[in-house]
Amino acid sequence: MTALRLTDLTVRHHGPRGPVAAVDGVSLEIPPGTTLGLVGESGSGKSSLARAIVGLTPVHGGRVLLDGREVRARTVGDRRRLGRLVQIVLQDPDTALDPRMTVRQTLVEAATVFHRLDRPARAERVGDLLELVGLNPRFADRLPRQLSGGQRQRVAVARALAVEPGLLIADEITSALDVSVQASVLNTIRDLQQRLGLSMLFIGHNLPAVCYVSDAVAVMRHGRIVETAPTEALLRDPRHPYTRTLLASVPSLRTSLPGERPS
């Protein structure tokens, strides 16, 4: 389990009229073993925030702390140490999967980055990872093109988990999937978080999906966090007008309360 804290994080991109603050002074906290949902419309800065945390986008201000220690990604060594603590799964699993490598080769490559494993241990690790994400070990010898979109996304999750990170960032991982497949992947994510005790940042624009897997939810608009609250509190009593607008656009969220979170 890894705790994450962001303080006044700022990320700028170069736009046609000069620098644009994609992330504008964001402060957030994810306690160990909990899931924070980050929701907002496309272009609100969610993915820029995620990429800054894992060192894929330069940070122009503020701090990223993991377990109380500030992390940097200035050198190869920095990025390697950061990758041991936090992994990201992106919307398109093809960005994480080499089309020329079998599932087995992909998972073995990830599993041996930080650990030395002999051949029997590698085979066992691959089988365990596939079962962990709800796939039969027989998928190990298939190529990505031989898998469905949902199966590829599960392999991408398994690849991220292979290094045993304490924090997992899931960035829009269900948005490109069919509705029925989305539900299955969301259930897998919830199960993984509970079984492994992961800390997780779950990013999306689908408010029901984000609420379903999250202990707390942060609402992002124009690069800023406009509201953060425990999930049930946010659903029952949203404080910011933008949050109320998001909730009003999904009537089923209202009708599902009180009781279980919306599925």
C-alpha atoms as a PDB file:
ATOM      1  CA  MET A   1       0.000   0.000   0.000  1.00  0.00           C
ATOM      2  CA  THR A   2       1.320   3.424  -0.955  1.00  0.00           C
ATOM      3  CA  ALA A   3      -0.058   6.779   0.154  1.00  0.00           C
ATOM      4  CA  LEU A   4      -0.160   9.585  -2.412  1.00  0.00           C
ATOM      5  CA  ARG A   5      -0.278  13.292  -1.685  1.00  0.00           C
ATOM      6  CA  LEU A   6      -0.243  16.102  -4.205  1.00  0.00           C
ATOM      7  CA  THR A   7       0.336  19.675  -3.066  1.00  0.00           C
ATOM      8  CA  ASP A   8      -0.311  22.615  -5.394  1.00  0.00           C
ATOM      9  CA  LEU A   9       0.593  20.517  -8.448  1.00  0.00           C
ATOM     10  CA  THR A  10       0.819  22.523 -11.674  1.00  0.00           C
ATOM     11  CA  VAL A  11       1.334  21.262 -15.223  1.00  0.00           C
ATOM     12  CA  ARG A  12       1.520  23.569 -18.235  1.00  0.00           C
ATOM     13  CA  HIS A  13       1.176  22.793 -21.920  1.00  0.00           C
ATOM     14  CA  HIS A  14       2.068  25.062 -24.828  1.00  0.00           C
ATOM     15  CA  GLY A  15      -1.056  26.250 -26.615  1.00  0.00           C
ATOM     16  CA  PRO A  16      -1.454  28.405 -29.724  1.00  0.00           C
ATOM     17  CA  ARG A  17      -1.624  31.524 -27.535  1.00  0.00           C
ATOM     18  CA  GLY A  18       1.075  30.528 -25.062  1.00  0.00           C
ATOM     19  CA  PRO A  19       1.321  28.326 -21.963  1.00  0.00           C
ATOM     20  CA  VAL A  20      -1.913  26.766 -20.705  1.00  0.00           C
ATOM     21  CA  ALA A  21      -2.323  25.398 -17.169  1.00  0.00           C
ATOM     22  CA  ALA A  22      -3.644  21.870 -17.759  1.00  0.00           C
ATOM     23  CA  VAL A  23      -3.328  21.228 -14.021  1.00  0.00           C
ATOM     24  CA  ASP A  24      -3.674  24.332 -11.893  1.00  0.00           C
ATOM     25  CA  GLY A  25      -2.581  24.059  -8.272  1.00  0.00           C
ATOM     26  CA  VAL A  26      -4.147  20.675  -7.494  1.00  0.00           C
ATOM     27  CA  SER A  27      -3.900  19.227  -3.989  1.00  0.00           C
ATOM     28  CA  LEU A  28      -5.172  15.696  -3.359  1.00  0.00           C
ATOM     29  CA  GLU A  29      -4.542  12.829  -0.979  1.00  0.00           C
ATOM     30  CA  ILE A  30      -5.038   9.067  -1.288  1.00  0.00           C
ATOM     31  CA  PRO A  31      -4.605   7.238   2.038  1.00  0.00           C
ATOM     32  CA  PRO A  32      -3.033   3.765   1.877  1.00  0.00           C
ATOM     33  CA  GLY A  33      -5.363   1.040   0.626  1.00  0.00           C
ATOM     34  CA  THR A  34      -8.111   3.358  -0.629  1.00  0.00           C
ATOM     35  CA  THR A  35      -9.439   4.380  -4.034  1.00  0.00           C
ATOM     36  CA  LEU A  36      -9.902   8.010  -5.025  1.00  0.00           C
ATOM     37  CA  GLY A  37     -12.052   8.632  -8.074  1.00  0.00           C
ATOM     38  CA  LEU A  38     -11.226  11.602 -10.284  1.00  0.00           C
ATOM     39  CA  VAL A  39     -14.074  12.704 -12.527  1.00  0.00           C
ATOM     40  CA  GLY A  40     -14.484  15.499 -15.023  1.00  0.00           C
ATOM     41  CA  GLU A  41     -15.287  16.162 -18.645  1.00  0.00           C
ATOM     42  CA  SER A  42     -12.766  15.598 -21.433  1.00  0.00           C
ATOM     43  CA  GLY A  43     -10.079  18.281 -21.386  1.00  0.00           C
ATOM     44  CA  SER A  44     -10.402  19.002 -17.681  1.00  0.00           C
ATOM     45  CA  GLY A  45      -6.809  17.951 -16.966  1.00  0.00           C
ATOM     46  CA  LYS A  46      -7.339  14.452 -15.534  1.00  0.00           C
ATOM     47  CA  SER A  47      -4.887  12.646 -17.812  1.00  0.00           C
ATOM     48  CA  SER A  48      -2.284  15.404 -17.480  1.00  0.00           C
ATOM     49  CA  LEU A  49      -2.478  14.959 -13.729  1.00  0.00           C
ATOM     50  CA  ALA A  50      -2.041  11.187 -14.030  1.00  0.00           C
ATOM     51  CA  ARG A  51       0.923  11.493 -16.376  1.00  0.00           C
ATOM     52  CA  ALA A  52       2.579  14.013 -14.061  1.00  0.00           C
ATOM     53  CA  ILE A  53       2.332  11.611 -11.122  1.00  0.00           C
ATOM     54  CA  VAL A  54       4.159   8.838 -12.997  1.00  0.00           C
ATOM     55  CA  GLY A  55       6.749  11.162 -14.515  1.00  0.00           C
ATOM     56  CA  LEU A  56       5.502  11.128 -18.109  1.00  0.00           C
ATOM     57  CA  THR A  57       4.729  14.863 -18.066  1.00  0.00           C
ATOM     58  CA  PRO A  58       6.974  17.557 -16.508  1.00  0.00           C
ATOM     59  CA  VAL A  59       5.734  19.196 -13.320  1.00  0.00           C
ATOM     60  CA  HIS A  60       5.988  22.986 -13.329  1.00  0.00           C
ATOM     61  CA  GLY A  61       5.054  23.543  -9.713  1.00  0.00           C
ATOM     62  CA  GLY A  62       4.016  21.796  -6.511  1.00  0.00           C
ATOM     63  CA  ARG A  63       5.010  18.401  -5.153  1.00  0.00           C
ATOM     64  CA  VAL A  64       4.215  14.713  -5.606  1.00  0.00           C
ATOM     65  CA  LEU A  65       4.765  12.667  -2.449  1.00  0.00           C
ATOM     66  CA  LEU A  66       4.583   8.893  -2.093  1.00  0.00           C
ATOM     67  CA  ASP A  67       4.576   7.630   1.487  1.00  0.00           C
ATOM     68  CA  GLY A  68       5.635  11.098   2.594  1.00  0.00           C
ATOM     69  CA  ARG A  69       8.691  11.309   0.334  1.00  0.00           C
ATOM     70  CA  GLU A  70       8.866  13.660  -2.622  1.00  0.00           C
ATOM     71  CA  VAL A  71       9.366  11.859  -5.911  1.00  0.00           C
ATOM     72  CA  ARG A  72      11.101  13.132  -9.017  1.00  0.00           C
ATOM     73  CA  ALA A  73      11.500  11.719 -12.497  1.00  0.00           C
ATOM     74  CA  ARG A  74      14.533  13.584 -13.764  1.00  0.00           C
ATOM     75  CA  THR A  75      16.796  10.610 -14.434  1.00  0.00           C
ATOM     76  CA  VAL A  76      16.449   7.015 -15.592  1.00  0.00           C
ATOM     77  CA  GLY A  77      17.133   5.913 -12.021  1.00  0.00           C
ATOM     78  CA  ASP A  78      14.379   8.194 -10.713  1.00  0.00           C
ATOM     79  CA  ARG A  79      11.870   6.793 -13.188  1.00  0.00           C
ATOM     80  CA  ARG A  80      12.872   3.231 -12.366  1.00  0.00           C
ATOM     81  CA  ARG A  81      12.342   3.786  -8.642  1.00  0.00           C
ATOM     82  CA  LEU A  82       9.046   5.532  -9.343  1.00  0.00           C
ATOM     83  CA  GLY A  83       7.890   2.625 -11.512  1.00  0.00           C
ATOM     84  CA  ARG A  84       8.410   0.268  -8.591  1.00  0.00           C
ATOM     85  CA  LEU A  85       5.944   2.280  -6.506  1.00  0.00           C
ATOM     86  CA  VAL A  86       3.293   3.371  -9.000  1.00  0.00           C
ATOM     87  CA  GLN A  87       1.987   2.011 -12.295  1.00  0.00           C
ATOM     88  CA  ILE A  88      -0.514   3.441 -14.768  1.00  0.00           C
ATOM     89  CA  VAL A  89      -3.041   1.708 -17.027  1.00  0.00           C
ATOM     90  CA  LEU A  90      -4.201   3.839 -19.946  1.00  0.00           C
ATOM     91  CA  GLN A  91      -7.442   4.007 -21.925  1.00  0.00           C
ATOM     92  CA  ASP A  92      -5.993   2.190 -24.934  1.00  0.00           C
ATOM     93  CA  PRO A  93      -4.393  -1.119 -23.868  1.00  0.00           C
ATOM     94  CA  ASP A  94      -2.502  -1.250 -27.157  1.00  0.00           C
ATOM     95  CA  THR A  95      -0.192   1.458 -25.799  1.00  0.00           C
ATOM     96  CA  ALA A  96       1.011  -1.013 -23.155  1.00  0.00           C
ATOM     97  CA  LEU A  97       1.029  -4.192 -25.250  1.00  0.00           C
ATOM     98  CA  ASP A  98       3.592  -4.911 -27.953  1.00  0.00           C
ATOM     99  CA  PRO A  99       1.639  -6.456 -30.860  1.00  0.00           C
ATOM    100  CA  ARG A 100       4.593  -8.756 -31.622  1.00  0.00           C
ATOM    101  CA  MET A 101       4.788 -10.207 -28.110  1.00  0.00           C
ATOM    102  CA  THR A 102       2.561 -12.892 -26.645  1.00  0.00           C
ATOM    103  CA  VAL A 103       0.773 -12.260 -23.379  1.00  0.00           C
ATOM    104  CA  ARG A 104       3.303 -14.521 -21.681  1.00  0.00           C
ATOM    105  CA  GLN A 105       6.266 -12.541 -23.022  1.00  0.00           C
ATOM    106  CA  THR A 106       4.661  -9.254 -21.996  1.00  0.00           C
ATOM    107  CA  LEU A 107       4.005 -10.387 -18.435  1.00  0.00           C
ATOM    108  CA  VAL A 108       7.389 -12.062 -18.007  1.00  0.00           C
ATOM    109  CA  GLU A 109       9.120  -8.875 -19.181  1.00  0.00           C
ATOM    110  CA  ALA A 110       7.237  -6.833 -16.565  1.00  0.00           C
ATOM    111  CA  ALA A 111       7.565  -9.397 -13.771  1.00  0.00           C
ATOM    112  CA  THR A 112      11.347  -9.616 -14.125  1.00  0.00           C
ATOM    113  CA  VAL A 113      12.072  -5.887 -14.141  1.00  0.00           C
ATOM    114  CA  PHE A 114      12.657  -5.869 -10.373  1.00  0.00           C
ATOM    115  CA  HIS A 115      12.799  -9.597  -9.554  1.00  0.00           C
ATOM    116  CA  ARG A 116      14.887 -12.495 -10.824  1.00  0.00           C
ATOM    117  CA  LEU A 117      12.712 -15.512 -11.593  1.00  0.00           C
ATOM    118  CA  ASP A 118      13.686 -18.905 -12.953  1.00  0.00           C
ATOM    119  CA  ARG A 119      11.618 -20.545 -15.693  1.00  0.00           C
ATOM    120  CA  PRO A 120       9.177 -22.435 -13.410  1.00  0.00           C
ATOM    121  CA  ALA A 121       8.655 -19.312 -11.296  1.00  0.00           C
ATOM    122  CA  ARG A 122       7.990 -17.258 -14.423  1.00  0.00           C
ATOM    123  CA  ALA A 123       5.347 -19.703 -15.646  1.00  0.00           C
ATOM    124  CA  GLU A 124       3.681 -19.686 -12.235  1.00  0.00           C
ATOM    125  CA  ARG A 125       3.771 -15.904 -12.037  1.00  0.00           C
ATOM    126  CA  VAL A 126       2.162 -15.515 -15.470  1.00  0.00           C
ATOM    127  CA  GLY A 127      -0.634 -17.914 -14.532  1.00  0.00           C
ATOM    128  CA  ASP A 128      -1.223 -16.129 -11.224  1.00  0.00           C
ATOM    129  CA  LEU A 129      -1.389 -12.707 -12.897  1.00  0.00           C
ATOM    130  CA  LEU A 130      -3.879 -13.869 -15.520  1.00  0.00           C
ATOM    131  CA  GLU A 131      -6.114 -15.494 -12.934  1.00  0.00           C
ATOM    132  CA  LEU A 132      -5.862 -12.354 -10.813  1.00  0.00           C
ATOM    133  CA  VAL A 133      -7.454 -10.281 -13.578  1.00  0.00           C
ATOM    134  CA  GLY A 134     -10.047 -12.891 -14.470  1.00  0.00           C
ATOM    135  CA  LEU A 135      -8.378 -14.543 -17.478  1.00  0.00           C
ATOM    136  CA  ASN A 136      -7.669 -18.219 -18.067  1.00  0.00           C
ATOM    137  CA  PRO A 137      -3.926 -19.007 -18.141  1.00  0.00           C
ATOM    138  CA  ARG A 138      -4.416 -20.497 -21.611  1.00  0.00           C
ATOM    139  CA  PHE A 139      -4.481 -16.908 -22.919  1.00  0.00           C
ATOM    140  CA  ALA A 140      -0.750 -16.677 -22.166  1.00  0.00           C
ATOM    141  CA  ASP A 141       0.344 -17.761 -25.637  1.00  0.00           C
ATOM    142  CA  ARG A 142      -1.963 -15.443 -27.569  1.00  0.00           C
ATOM    143  CA  LEU A 143      -1.008 -12.218 -29.272  1.00  0.00           C
ATOM    144  CA  PRO A 144      -2.905  -8.979 -28.526  1.00  0.00           C
ATOM    145  CA  ARG A 145      -4.722  -9.122 -31.876  1.00  0.00           C
ATOM    146  CA  GLN A 146      -6.193 -12.479 -30.814  1.00  0.00           C
ATOM    147  CA  LEU A 147      -7.863 -10.908 -27.765  1.00  0.00           C
ATOM    148  CA  SER A 148     -11.004  -8.818 -27.378  1.00  0.00           C
ATOM    149  CA  GLY A 149     -10.796  -5.229 -26.152  1.00  0.00           C
ATOM    150  CA  GLY A 150     -11.801  -6.233 -22.643  1.00  0.00           C
ATOM    151  CA  GLN A 151      -9.257  -9.051 -22.572  1.00  0.00           C
ATOM    152  CA  ARG A 152      -6.484  -6.734 -23.751  1.00  0.00           C
ATOM    153  CA  GLN A 153      -7.376  -4.271 -21.021  1.00  0.00           C
ATOM    154  CA  ARG A 154      -7.199  -7.044 -18.415  1.00  0.00           C
ATOM    155  CA  VAL A 155      -3.752  -8.007 -19.705  1.00  0.00           C
ATOM    156  CA  ALA A 156      -2.685  -4.361 -19.431  1.00  0.00           C
ATOM    157  CA  VAL A 157      -3.839  -4.361 -15.802  1.00  0.00           C
ATOM    158  CA  ALA A 158      -1.953  -7.621 -15.182  1.00  0.00           C
ATOM    159  CA  ARG A 159       1.163  -6.072 -16.717  1.00  0.00           C
ATOM    160  CA  ALA A 160       0.924  -3.113 -14.335  1.00  0.00           C
ATOM    161  CA  LEU A 161       0.420  -5.413 -11.339  1.00  0.00           C
ATOM    162  CA  ALA A 162       3.384  -7.604 -12.321  1.00  0.00           C
ATOM    163  CA  VAL A 163       5.823  -5.207 -10.630  1.00  0.00           C
ATOM    164  CA  GLU A 164       3.728  -5.255  -7.434  1.00  0.00           C
ATOM    165  CA  PRO A 165       3.150  -1.484  -7.175  1.00  0.00           C
ATOM    166  CA  GLY A 166       1.626   0.069  -4.100  1.00  0.00           C
ATOM    167  CA  LEU A 167      -0.360   2.582  -6.166  1.00  0.00           C
ATOM    168  CA  LEU A 168      -2.262   1.908  -9.383  1.00  0.00           C
ATOM    169  CA  ILE A 169      -3.550   4.687 -11.633  1.00  0.00           C
ATOM    170  CA  ALA A 170      -6.395   3.655 -13.945  1.00  0.00           C
ATOM    171  CA  ASP A 171      -6.914   6.356 -16.569  1.00  0.00           C
ATOM    172  CA  GLU A 172     -10.224   5.971 -18.448  1.00  0.00           C
ATOM    173  CA  ILE A 173      -9.669   2.211 -18.687  1.00  0.00           C
ATOM    174  CA  THR A 174     -13.316   1.365 -19.418  1.00  0.00           C
ATOM    175  CA  SER A 175     -14.315   4.245 -21.692  1.00  0.00           C
ATOM    176  CA  ALA A 176     -13.476   2.387 -24.927  1.00  0.00           C
ATOM    177  CA  LEU A 177     -15.261  -0.818 -23.911  1.00  0.00           C
ATOM    178  CA  ASP A 178     -18.822  -2.027 -24.491  1.00  0.00           C
ATOM    179  CA  VAL A 179     -21.205  -1.460 -21.572  1.00  0.00           C
ATOM    180  CA  SER A 180     -21.387  -5.135 -20.589  1.00  0.00           C
ATOM    181  CA  VAL A 181     -17.601  -5.427 -20.705  1.00  0.00           C
ATOM    182  CA  GLN A 182     -17.233  -2.223 -18.682  1.00  0.00           C
ATOM    183  CA  ALA A 183     -19.231  -3.729 -15.811  1.00  0.00           C
ATOM    184  CA  SER A 184     -17.062  -6.831 -15.769  1.00  0.00           C
ATOM    185  CA  VAL A 185     -13.818  -4.845 -15.751  1.00  0.00           C
ATOM    186  CA  LEU A 186     -15.122  -2.549 -13.005  1.00  0.00           C
ATOM    187  CA  ASN A 187     -15.957  -5.551 -10.840  1.00  0.00           C
ATOM    188  CA  THR A 188     -12.447  -6.885 -11.427  1.00  0.00           C
ATOM    189  CA  ILE A 189     -10.929  -3.540 -10.394  1.00  0.00           C
ATOM    190  CA  ARG A 190     -12.939  -3.468  -7.168  1.00  0.00           C
ATOM    191  CA  ASP A 191     -11.958  -7.051  -6.397  1.00  0.00           C
ATOM    192  CA  LEU A 192      -8.279  -6.351  -7.050  1.00  0.00           C
ATOM    193  CA  GLN A 193      -8.258  -3.311  -4.811  1.00  0.00           C
ATOM    194  CA  GLN A 194      -9.826  -5.241  -1.960  1.00  0.00           C
ATOM    195  CA  ARG A 195      -7.739  -8.398  -2.366  1.00  0.00           C
ATOM    196  CA  LEU A 196      -4.384  -6.679  -2.814  1.00  0.00           C
ATOM    197  CA  GLY A 197      -4.982  -3.655  -0.596  1.00  0.00           C
ATOM    198  CA  LEU A 198      -3.899  -1.358  -3.416  1.00  0.00           C
ATOM    199  CA  SER A 199      -4.060   2.383  -3.285  1.00  0.00           C
ATOM    200  CA  MET A 200      -5.727   3.539  -6.490  1.00  0.00           C
ATOM    201  CA  LEU A 201      -6.498   6.656  -8.485  1.00  0.00           C
ATOM    202  CA  PHE A 202      -9.431   5.799 -10.761  1.00  0.00           C
ATOM    203  CA  ILE A 203      -9.959   8.414 -13.476  1.00  0.00           C
ATOM    204  CA  GLY A 204     -12.988   8.743 -15.715  1.00  0.00           C
ATOM    205  CA  HIS A 205     -15.754  10.935 -17.067  1.00  0.00           C
ATOM    206  CA  ASN A 206     -18.417   8.281 -16.398  1.00  0.00           C
ATOM    207  CA  LEU A 207     -19.642   9.309 -12.955  1.00  0.00           C
ATOM    208  CA  PRO A 208     -21.481   6.043 -12.097  1.00  0.00           C
ATOM    209  CA  ALA A 209     -18.384   3.993 -12.955  1.00  0.00           C
ATOM    210  CA  VAL A 210     -16.100   6.236 -10.909  1.00  0.00           C
ATOM    211  CA  CYS A 211     -18.428   6.195  -7.902  1.00  0.00           C
ATOM    212  CA  TYR A 212     -18.818   2.420  -8.082  1.00  0.00           C
ATOM    213  CA  VAL A 213     -15.144   1.708  -7.414  1.00  0.00           C
ATOM    214  CA  SER A 214     -14.169   4.726  -5.270  1.00  0.00           C
ATOM    215  CA  ASP A 215     -14.091   5.447  -1.541  1.00  0.00           C
ATOM    216  CA  ALA A 216     -13.953   9.173  -2.266  1.00  0.00           C
ATOM    217  CA  VAL A 217     -14.389  11.286  -5.394  1.00  0.00           C
ATOM    218  CA  ALA A 218     -12.650  14.467  -6.564  1.00  0.00           C
ATOM    219  CA  VAL A 219     -14.333  16.584  -9.244  1.00  0.00           C
ATOM    220  CA  MET A 220     -12.031  18.349 -11.711  1.00  0.00           C
ATOM    221  CA  ARG A 221     -12.880  21.247 -13.988  1.00  0.00           C
ATOM    222  CA  HIS A 222     -10.569  23.450 -16.067  1.00  0.00           C
ATOM    223  CA  GLY A 223      -7.483  22.027 -14.362  1.00  0.00           C
ATOM    224  CA  ARG A 224      -8.716  22.601 -10.824  1.00  0.00           C
ATOM    225  CA  ILE A 225     -10.365  20.438  -8.160  1.00  0.00           C
ATOM    226  CA  VAL A 226     -13.724  22.012  -7.386  1.00  0.00           C
ATOM    227  CA  GLU A 227     -14.951  19.455  -4.858  1.00  0.00           C
ATOM    228  CA  THR A 228     -13.700  16.395  -2.964  1.00  0.00           C
ATOM    229  CA  ALA A 229     -15.809  14.234  -0.678  1.00  0.00           C
ATOM    230  CA  PRO A 230     -16.448  10.633   0.379  1.00  0.00           C
ATOM    231  CA  THR A 231     -18.475   8.965  -2.363  1.00  0.00           C
ATOM    232  CA  GLU A 232     -21.743   8.641  -0.475  1.00  0.00           C
ATOM    233  CA  ALA A 233     -21.515  12.212   0.826  1.00  0.00           C
ATOM    234  CA  LEU A 234     -20.857  13.564  -2.655  1.00  0.00           C
ATOM    235  CA  LEU A 235     -23.834  11.681  -4.069  1.00  0.00           C
ATOM    236  CA  ARG A 236     -26.181  12.794  -1.296  1.00  0.00           C
ATOM    237  CA  ASP A 237     -25.107  16.390  -0.875  1.00  0.00           C
ATOM    238  CA  PRO A 238     -22.978  17.820  -3.719  1.00  0.00           C
ATOM    239  CA  ARG A 239     -21.709  21.291  -2.869  1.00  0.00           C
ATOM    240  CA  HIS A 240     -20.356  22.683  -6.139  1.00  0.00           C
ATOM    241  CA  PRO A 241     -22.700  23.670  -9.009  1.00  0.00           C
ATOM    242  CA  TYR A 242     -20.579  21.708 -11.483  1.00  0.00           C
ATOM    243  CA  THR A 243     -20.880  18.553  -9.378  1.00  0.00           C
ATOM    244  CA  ARG A 244     -24.640  19.034  -9.194  1.00  0.00           C
ATOM    245  CA  THR A 245     -24.714  19.383 -12.985  1.00  0.00           C
ATOM    246  CA  LEU A 246     -22.813  16.102 -13.378  1.00  0.00           C
ATOM    247  CA  LEU A 247     -25.193  14.343 -11.007  1.00  0.00           C
ATOM    248  CA  ALA A 248     -28.264  15.770 -12.688  1.00  0.00           C
ATOM    249  CA  SER A 249     -27.094  14.326 -16.010  1.00  0.00           C
ATOM    250  CA  VAL A 250     -27.212  10.807 -14.524  1.00  0.00           C
ATOM    251  CA  PRO A 251     -30.664  10.385 -12.916  1.00  0.00           C
ATOM    252  CA  SER A 252     -29.975   6.771 -11.950  1.00  0.00           C
ATOM    253  CA  LEU A 253     -27.467   7.984  -9.381  1.00  0.00           C
ATOM    254  CA  ARG A 254     -30.237   9.775  -7.552  1.00  0.00           C
ATOM    255  CA  THR A 255     -32.698   6.894  -7.604  1.00  0.00           C
ATOM    256  CA  SER A 256     -30.112   4.403  -6.330  1.00  0.00           C
ATOM    257  CA  LEU A 257     -29.802   6.151  -2.960  1.00  0.00           C
ATOM    258  CA  PRO A 258     -29.963   5.173  -0.167  1.00  0.00           C
ATOM    259  CA  GLY A 259     -28.473   1.676  -0.372  1.00  0.00           C
ATOM    260  CA  GLU A 260     -25.766   0.231  -2.543  1.00  0.00           C
ATOM    261  CA  ARG A 261     -23.706   2.311  -4.922  1.00  0.00           C
ATOM    262  CA  PRO A 262     -24.938   2.316  -8.505  1.00  0.00           C
ATOM    263  CA  SER A 263     -23.747  -0.598 -10.617  1.00  0.00           C
END
